[in-house]
Amino acid sequence: EFVVMLGPSGSGKSTLLNIIGGIEESDEGSISIEGNSMNMMNEKKLSLYLRNHLGYIFQQYNLIPNLTVRENIEVGAYLSKHPLEIDPLIESLGLKEHQDKLPNQLSGGQQQRTSIGRAIIKNPDILLCDEPTGALDYATSKDILKLIEMVNQKYGNTVIMVTHNDAIQNMADRVIKLRDGQIRDNIVNNSKVSAADLEW
């Protein structure tokens, strides 16, 4: 499923994503994935669980500056028991010609593609995306959304994407709307459109 969490700044969507991702702790309630309650895990079990099941794409690319594109993506592979093959992934990310470059030699879109590659080479069950197009121009944003859509369709990962861009909800299977720290709507989208057809 491709899930979009939508809401204005301060609505709690990034906080909720960080709780799902184990970056922040919740004050109450619980997160359960495949019947495993994250709240019941000690720090070591939680780290292993997150490592084995979750991938995270940040708005800030968080690439390692002295590693090449290929090496940055390989970092994600080392964290997985069942990583994807790196060469076809680099090809599908459109990074083949750039794989030996350092992050400071890349455009913003290429850096975001590298960050996506690092997250999905793990072959995670759940891919968490925090405003992945927030710092990008329109054309590059569309390319990144098409890429995440391809990942969801090709590899079958559940995608949970936080955004304040209303148009992106149209490509989702499910839209969760937040306001003032509350889920206000949980909508199944029966008329989704492809990322290529989005306009804003």
C-alpha atoms as a PDB file:
ATOM      1  CA  GLU A   1       0.000   0.000   0.000  1.00  0.00           C
ATOM      2  CA  PHE A   2       1.125   3.544  -0.759  1.00  0.00           C
ATOM      3  CA  VAL A   3       0.032   5.747   2.159  1.00  0.00           C
ATOM      4  CA  VAL A   4       0.204   9.539   2.249  1.00  0.00           C
ATOM      5  CA  MET A   5       0.001  11.404   5.564  1.00  0.00           C
ATOM      6  CA  LEU A   6      -1.216  14.884   4.800  1.00  0.00           C
ATOM      7  CA  GLY A   7      -1.508  17.959   6.979  1.00  0.00           C
ATOM      8  CA  PRO A   8      -0.292  21.501   7.542  1.00  0.00           C
ATOM      9  CA  SER A   9       2.962  22.305   9.356  1.00  0.00           C
ATOM     10  CA  GLY A  10       2.651  21.443  13.029  1.00  0.00           C
ATOM     11  CA  SER A  11      -0.132  18.896  12.525  1.00  0.00           C
ATOM     12  CA  GLY A  12       2.013  16.048  13.873  1.00  0.00           C
ATOM     13  CA  LYS A  13       2.657  14.091  10.682  1.00  0.00           C
ATOM     14  CA  SER A  14       6.475  14.043  10.943  1.00  0.00           C
ATOM     15  CA  THR A  15       6.233  13.212  14.650  1.00  0.00           C
ATOM     16  CA  LEU A  16       3.964  10.256  13.851  1.00  0.00           C
ATOM     17  CA  LEU A  17       6.360   9.109  11.119  1.00  0.00           C
ATOM     18  CA  ASN A  18       9.283   9.358  13.574  1.00  0.00           C
ATOM     19  CA  ILE A  19       7.367   7.296  16.137  1.00  0.00           C
ATOM     20  CA  ILE A  20       6.672   4.614  13.508  1.00  0.00           C
ATOM     21  CA  GLY A  21      10.369   4.769  12.594  1.00  0.00           C
ATOM     22  CA  GLY A  22      11.560   4.402  16.196  1.00  0.00           C
ATOM     23  CA  ILE A  23      13.253   7.819  16.145  1.00  0.00           C
ATOM     24  CA  GLU A  24      10.878   9.262  18.764  1.00  0.00           C
ATOM     25  CA  GLU A  25       8.946   7.596  21.576  1.00  0.00           C
ATOM     26  CA  SER A  26       5.195   7.996  21.948  1.00  0.00           C
ATOM     27  CA  ASP A  27       3.682   9.302  25.192  1.00  0.00           C
ATOM     28  CA  GLU A  28       0.950   6.674  24.989  1.00  0.00           C
ATOM     29  CA  GLY A  29      -0.489   4.085  22.627  1.00  0.00           C
ATOM     30  CA  SER A  30       1.551   1.509  20.740  1.00  0.00           C
ATOM     31  CA  ILE A  31       2.973   0.718  17.317  1.00  0.00           C
ATOM     32  CA  SER A  32       2.541  -2.856  16.136  1.00  0.00           C
ATOM     33  CA  ILE A  33       4.122  -4.181  12.934  1.00  0.00           C
ATOM     34  CA  GLU A  34       3.344  -7.757  11.853  1.00  0.00           C
ATOM     35  CA  GLY A  35       2.053  -8.458  15.355  1.00  0.00           C
ATOM     36  CA  ASN A  36       5.256  -7.201  17.036  1.00  0.00           C
ATOM     37  CA  SER A  37       4.723  -4.322  19.455  1.00  0.00           C
ATOM     38  CA  MET A  38       7.641  -1.882  19.240  1.00  0.00           C
ATOM     39  CA  ASN A  39       6.838  -0.643  22.749  1.00  0.00           C
ATOM     40  CA  MET A  40       7.666  -4.067  24.216  1.00  0.00           C
ATOM     41  CA  MET A  41      11.149  -4.245  22.680  1.00  0.00           C
ATOM     42  CA  ASN A  42      14.341  -3.323  24.513  1.00  0.00           C
ATOM     43  CA  GLU A  43      16.807  -1.000  22.780  1.00  0.00           C
ATOM     44  CA  LYS A  44      18.815  -3.798  21.152  1.00  0.00           C
ATOM     45  CA  LYS A  45      15.726  -5.628  19.836  1.00  0.00           C
ATOM     46  CA  LEU A  46      14.237  -2.378  18.577  1.00  0.00           C
ATOM     47  CA  SER A  47      17.464  -1.472  16.729  1.00  0.00           C
ATOM     48  CA  LEU A  48      17.567  -4.893  15.061  1.00  0.00           C
ATOM     49  CA  TYR A  49      13.890  -4.728  14.203  1.00  0.00           C
ATOM     50  CA  LEU A  50      14.170  -1.271  12.627  1.00  0.00           C
ATOM     51  CA  ARG A  51      17.322  -2.330  10.789  1.00  0.00           C
ATOM     52  CA  ASN A  52      15.645  -5.406   9.338  1.00  0.00           C
ATOM     53  CA  HIS A  53      12.220  -3.989   8.478  1.00  0.00           C
ATOM     54  CA  LEU A  54      12.321  -0.215   7.911  1.00  0.00           C
ATOM     55  CA  GLY A  55      13.891   2.149   5.388  1.00  0.00           C
ATOM     56  CA  TYR A  56      13.887   5.930   5.872  1.00  0.00           C
ATOM     57  CA  ILE A  57      14.100   8.703   3.254  1.00  0.00           C
ATOM     58  CA  PHE A  58      14.677  12.123   4.812  1.00  0.00           C
ATOM     59  CA  GLN A  59      14.108  15.577   3.332  1.00  0.00           C
ATOM     60  CA  GLN A  60      17.744  16.304   4.218  1.00  0.00           C
ATOM     61  CA  TYR A  61      19.669  13.689   2.248  1.00  0.00           C
ATOM     62  CA  ASN A  62      22.086  12.775   5.076  1.00  0.00           C
ATOM     63  CA  LEU A  63      24.638  11.298   2.670  1.00  0.00           C
ATOM     64  CA  ILE A  64      28.169  10.497   3.837  1.00  0.00           C
ATOM     65  CA  PRO A  65      30.244  13.233   2.134  1.00  0.00           C
ATOM     66  CA  ASN A  66      33.447  11.265   1.552  1.00  0.00           C
ATOM     67  CA  LEU A  67      31.711   8.221   0.021  1.00  0.00           C
ATOM     68  CA  THR A  68      30.689   7.915  -3.633  1.00  0.00           C
ATOM     69  CA  VAL A  69      27.091   7.443  -4.752  1.00  0.00           C
ATOM     70  CA  ARG A  70      27.657   3.694  -5.017  1.00  0.00           C
ATOM     71  CA  GLU A  71      29.310   3.502  -1.583  1.00  0.00           C
ATOM     72  CA  ASN A  72      26.523   5.547   0.045  1.00  0.00           C
ATOM     73  CA  ILE A  73      23.958   3.095  -1.345  1.00  0.00           C
ATOM     74  CA  GLU A  74      26.074   0.107  -0.271  1.00  0.00           C
ATOM     75  CA  VAL A  75      25.911   1.354   3.330  1.00  0.00           C
ATOM     76  CA  GLY A  76      22.208   0.445   3.250  1.00  0.00           C
ATOM     77  CA  ALA A  77      22.988  -3.023   1.858  1.00  0.00           C
ATOM     78  CA  TYR A  78      25.270  -3.799   4.820  1.00  0.00           C
ATOM     79  CA  LEU A  79      22.288  -3.254   7.131  1.00  0.00           C
ATOM     80  CA  SER A  80      20.153  -5.941   5.481  1.00  0.00           C
ATOM     81  CA  LYS A  81      19.912  -9.710   5.469  1.00  0.00           C
ATOM     82  CA  HIS A  82      18.251  -9.675   2.020  1.00  0.00           C
ATOM     83  CA  PRO A  83      19.517  -6.622   0.114  1.00  0.00           C
ATOM     84  CA  LEU A  84      18.539  -5.917  -3.469  1.00  0.00           C
ATOM     85  CA  GLU A  85      21.205  -6.192  -6.170  1.00  0.00           C
ATOM     86  CA  ILE A  86      23.046  -2.895  -6.405  1.00  0.00           C
ATOM     87  CA  ASP A  87      23.694  -2.638 -10.176  1.00  0.00           C
ATOM     88  CA  PRO A  88      20.045  -2.943 -11.352  1.00  0.00           C
ATOM     89  CA  LEU A  89      19.015  -0.570  -8.540  1.00  0.00           C
ATOM     90  CA  ILE A  90      21.575   2.081  -9.529  1.00  0.00           C
ATOM     91  CA  GLU A  91      20.342   1.717 -13.121  1.00  0.00           C
ATOM     92  CA  SER A  92      16.681   2.155 -12.135  1.00  0.00           C
ATOM     93  CA  LEU A  93      17.607   5.210 -10.037  1.00  0.00           C
ATOM     94  CA  GLY A  94      19.190   6.821 -13.102  1.00  0.00           C
ATOM     95  CA  LEU A  95      22.540   7.043 -11.294  1.00  0.00           C
ATOM     96  CA  LYS A  96      24.728   4.735 -13.373  1.00  0.00           C
ATOM     97  CA  GLU A  97      26.755   7.600 -14.868  1.00  0.00           C
ATOM     98  CA  HIS A  98      27.080   9.263 -11.456  1.00  0.00           C
ATOM     99  CA  GLN A  99      27.889   6.251  -9.269  1.00  0.00           C
ATOM    100  CA  ASP A 100      31.549   7.231  -8.756  1.00  0.00           C
ATOM    101  CA  LYS A 101      30.811  10.858  -7.862  1.00  0.00           C
ATOM    102  CA  LEU A 102      30.831  12.301  -4.340  1.00  0.00           C
ATOM    103  CA  PRO A 103      27.648  13.946  -2.966  1.00  0.00           C
ATOM    104  CA  ASN A 104      28.998  17.490  -3.460  1.00  0.00           C
ATOM    105  CA  GLN A 105      29.309  16.761  -7.199  1.00  0.00           C
ATOM    106  CA  LEU A 106      25.576  15.961  -7.499  1.00  0.00           C
ATOM    107  CA  SER A 107      22.421  18.018  -7.997  1.00  0.00           C
ATOM    108  CA  GLY A 108      19.741  17.997  -5.286  1.00  0.00           C
ATOM    109  CA  GLY A 109      17.679  15.491  -7.245  1.00  0.00           C
ATOM    110  CA  GLN A 110      20.665  13.151  -7.692  1.00  0.00           C
ATOM    111  CA  GLN A 111      21.427  13.366  -3.974  1.00  0.00           C
ATOM    112  CA  GLN A 112      17.805  12.499  -3.163  1.00  0.00           C
ATOM    113  CA  ARG A 113      17.952   9.542  -5.590  1.00  0.00           C
ATOM    114  CA  THR A 114      21.078   8.328  -3.780  1.00  0.00           C
ATOM    115  CA  SER A 115      19.302   8.673  -0.446  1.00  0.00           C
ATOM    116  CA  ILE A 116      16.352   6.671  -1.846  1.00  0.00           C
ATOM    117  CA  GLY A 117      18.769   4.017  -3.103  1.00  0.00           C
ATOM    118  CA  ARG A 118      20.373   3.709   0.334  1.00  0.00           C
ATOM    119  CA  ALA A 119      16.927   3.201   1.915  1.00  0.00           C
ATOM    120  CA  ILE A 120      15.488   0.724  -0.590  1.00  0.00           C
ATOM    121  CA  ILE A 121      18.570  -1.453  -1.172  1.00  0.00           C
ATOM    122  CA  LYS A 122      17.779  -2.839   2.285  1.00  0.00           C
ATOM    123  CA  ASN A 123      14.558  -4.160   0.709  1.00  0.00           C
ATOM    124  CA  PRO A 124      12.586  -2.942   3.746  1.00  0.00           C
ATOM    125  CA  ASP A 125       9.008  -4.012   4.451  1.00  0.00           C
ATOM    126  CA  ILE A 126       8.126  -0.383   5.136  1.00  0.00           C
ATOM    127  CA  LEU A 127       9.643   2.669   3.463  1.00  0.00           C
ATOM    128  CA  LEU A 128       9.146   5.897   5.442  1.00  0.00           C
ATOM    129  CA  CYS A 129       9.445   9.128   3.445  1.00  0.00           C
ATOM    130  CA  ASP A 130       9.582  12.476   5.261  1.00  0.00           C
ATOM    131  CA  GLU A 131       8.817  15.259   2.762  1.00  0.00           C
ATOM    132  CA  PRO A 132      11.123  13.664   0.150  1.00  0.00           C
ATOM    133  CA  THR A 133      10.328  16.359  -2.435  1.00  0.00           C
ATOM    134  CA  GLY A 134      10.233  19.305  -0.016  1.00  0.00           C
ATOM    135  CA  ALA A 135      13.548  20.816  -1.129  1.00  0.00           C
ATOM    136  CA  LEU A 136      13.224  20.053  -4.846  1.00  0.00           C
ATOM    137  CA  ASP A 137      11.854  21.905  -7.871  1.00  0.00           C
ATOM    138  CA  TYR A 138       8.684  20.774  -9.669  1.00  0.00           C
ATOM    139  CA  ALA A 139      10.286  18.636 -12.401  1.00  0.00           C
ATOM    140  CA  THR A 140      12.705  16.929 -10.002  1.00  0.00           C
ATOM    141  CA  SER A 141       9.883  16.364  -7.478  1.00  0.00           C
ATOM    142  CA  LYS A 142       7.854  14.584 -10.167  1.00  0.00           C
ATOM    143  CA  ASP A 143      10.871  12.381 -10.998  1.00  0.00           C
ATOM    144  CA  ILE A 144      11.360  11.455  -7.328  1.00  0.00           C
ATOM    145  CA  LEU A 145       7.637  10.648  -6.910  1.00  0.00           C
ATOM    146  CA  LYS A 146       7.737   8.453 -10.029  1.00  0.00           C
ATOM    147  CA  LEU A 147      10.763   6.692  -8.577  1.00  0.00           C
ATOM    148  CA  ILE A 148       9.079   6.023  -5.214  1.00  0.00           C
ATOM    149  CA  GLU A 149       5.954   4.837  -7.055  1.00  0.00           C
ATOM    150  CA  MET A 150       8.127   2.440  -9.115  1.00  0.00           C
ATOM    151  CA  VAL A 151       9.757   1.115  -5.923  1.00  0.00           C
ATOM    152  CA  ASN A 152       6.331   0.464  -4.381  1.00  0.00           C
ATOM    153  CA  GLN A 153       5.076  -1.353  -7.486  1.00  0.00           C
ATOM    154  CA  LYS A 154       8.255  -3.262  -8.354  1.00  0.00           C
ATOM    155  CA  TYR A 155       9.406  -4.352  -4.891  1.00  0.00           C
ATOM    156  CA  GLY A 156       6.086  -4.368  -3.009  1.00  0.00           C
ATOM    157  CA  ASN A 157       7.303  -2.288  -0.046  1.00  0.00           C
ATOM    158  CA  THR A 158       4.657  -0.447   1.954  1.00  0.00           C
ATOM    159  CA  VAL A 159       5.339   3.272   1.511  1.00  0.00           C
ATOM    160  CA  ILE A 160       4.326   5.856   4.137  1.00  0.00           C
ATOM    161  CA  MET A 161       4.969   9.387   2.894  1.00  0.00           C
ATOM    162  CA  VAL A 162       4.560  12.618   4.843  1.00  0.00           C
ATOM    163  CA  THR A 163       3.781  15.705   2.778  1.00  0.00           C
ATOM    164  CA  HIS A 164       1.976  19.023   2.921  1.00  0.00           C
ATOM    165  CA  ASN A 165       1.513  18.959  -0.881  1.00  0.00           C
ATOM    166  CA  ASP A 166      -2.196  18.223  -1.475  1.00  0.00           C
ATOM    167  CA  ALA A 167      -1.614  16.968  -5.026  1.00  0.00           C
ATOM    168  CA  ILE A 168       0.492  13.994  -3.880  1.00  0.00           C
ATOM    169  CA  GLN A 169      -2.518  12.411  -2.126  1.00  0.00           C
ATOM    170  CA  ASN A 170      -3.945  11.599  -5.576  1.00  0.00           C
ATOM    171  CA  MET A 171      -1.268   8.942  -6.206  1.00  0.00           C
ATOM    172  CA  ALA A 172      -1.852   7.181  -2.850  1.00  0.00           C
ATOM    173  CA  ASP A 173      -3.894   4.065  -2.050  1.00  0.00           C
ATOM    174  CA  ARG A 174      -4.702   5.563   1.357  1.00  0.00           C
ATOM    175  CA  VAL A 175      -4.695   9.143   2.633  1.00  0.00           C
ATOM    176  CA  ILE A 176      -4.426   9.907   6.348  1.00  0.00           C
ATOM    177  CA  LYS A 177      -5.196  13.541   7.164  1.00  0.00           C
ATOM    178  CA  LEU A 178      -3.832  15.049  10.374  1.00  0.00           C
ATOM    179  CA  ARG A 179      -4.567  18.305  12.164  1.00  0.00           C
ATOM    180  CA  ASP A 180      -3.488  19.449  15.638  1.00  0.00           C
ATOM    181  CA  GLY A 181      -1.924  16.078  16.448  1.00  0.00           C
ATOM    182  CA  GLN A 182      -5.087  14.132  15.601  1.00  0.00           C
ATOM    183  CA  ILE A 183      -5.991  11.838  12.709  1.00  0.00           C
ATOM    184  CA  ARG A 184      -9.009  13.566  11.163  1.00  0.00           C
ATOM    185  CA  ASP A 185      -9.541  11.310   8.145  1.00  0.00           C
ATOM    186  CA  ASN A 186      -8.443   7.884   6.911  1.00  0.00           C
ATOM    187  CA  ILE A 187      -9.501   7.655   3.273  1.00  0.00           C
ATOM    188  CA  VAL A 188      -9.098   4.823   0.767  1.00  0.00           C
ATOM    189  CA  ASN A 189      -8.447   6.353  -2.649  1.00  0.00           C
ATOM    190  CA  ASN A 190     -10.281   4.351  -5.305  1.00  0.00           C
ATOM    191  CA  SER A 191      -9.345   6.692  -8.153  1.00  0.00           C
ATOM    192  CA  LYS A 192      -5.574   7.044  -7.794  1.00  0.00           C
ATOM    193  CA  VAL A 193      -3.527   8.563 -10.594  1.00  0.00           C
ATOM    194  CA  SER A 194       0.078   7.901 -11.541  1.00  0.00           C
ATOM    195  CA  ALA A 195       2.862  10.171 -10.323  1.00  0.00           C
ATOM    196  CA  ALA A 196       3.479  11.208 -13.933  1.00  0.00           C
ATOM    197  CA  ASP A 197      -0.070  12.651 -14.132  1.00  0.00           C
ATOM    198  CA  LEU A 198       0.129  14.711 -10.938  1.00  0.00           C
ATOM    199  CA  GLU A 199      -0.021  18.472 -11.278  1.00  0.00           C
ATOM    200  CA  TRP A 200       0.265  21.280  -8.740  1.00  0.00           C
END
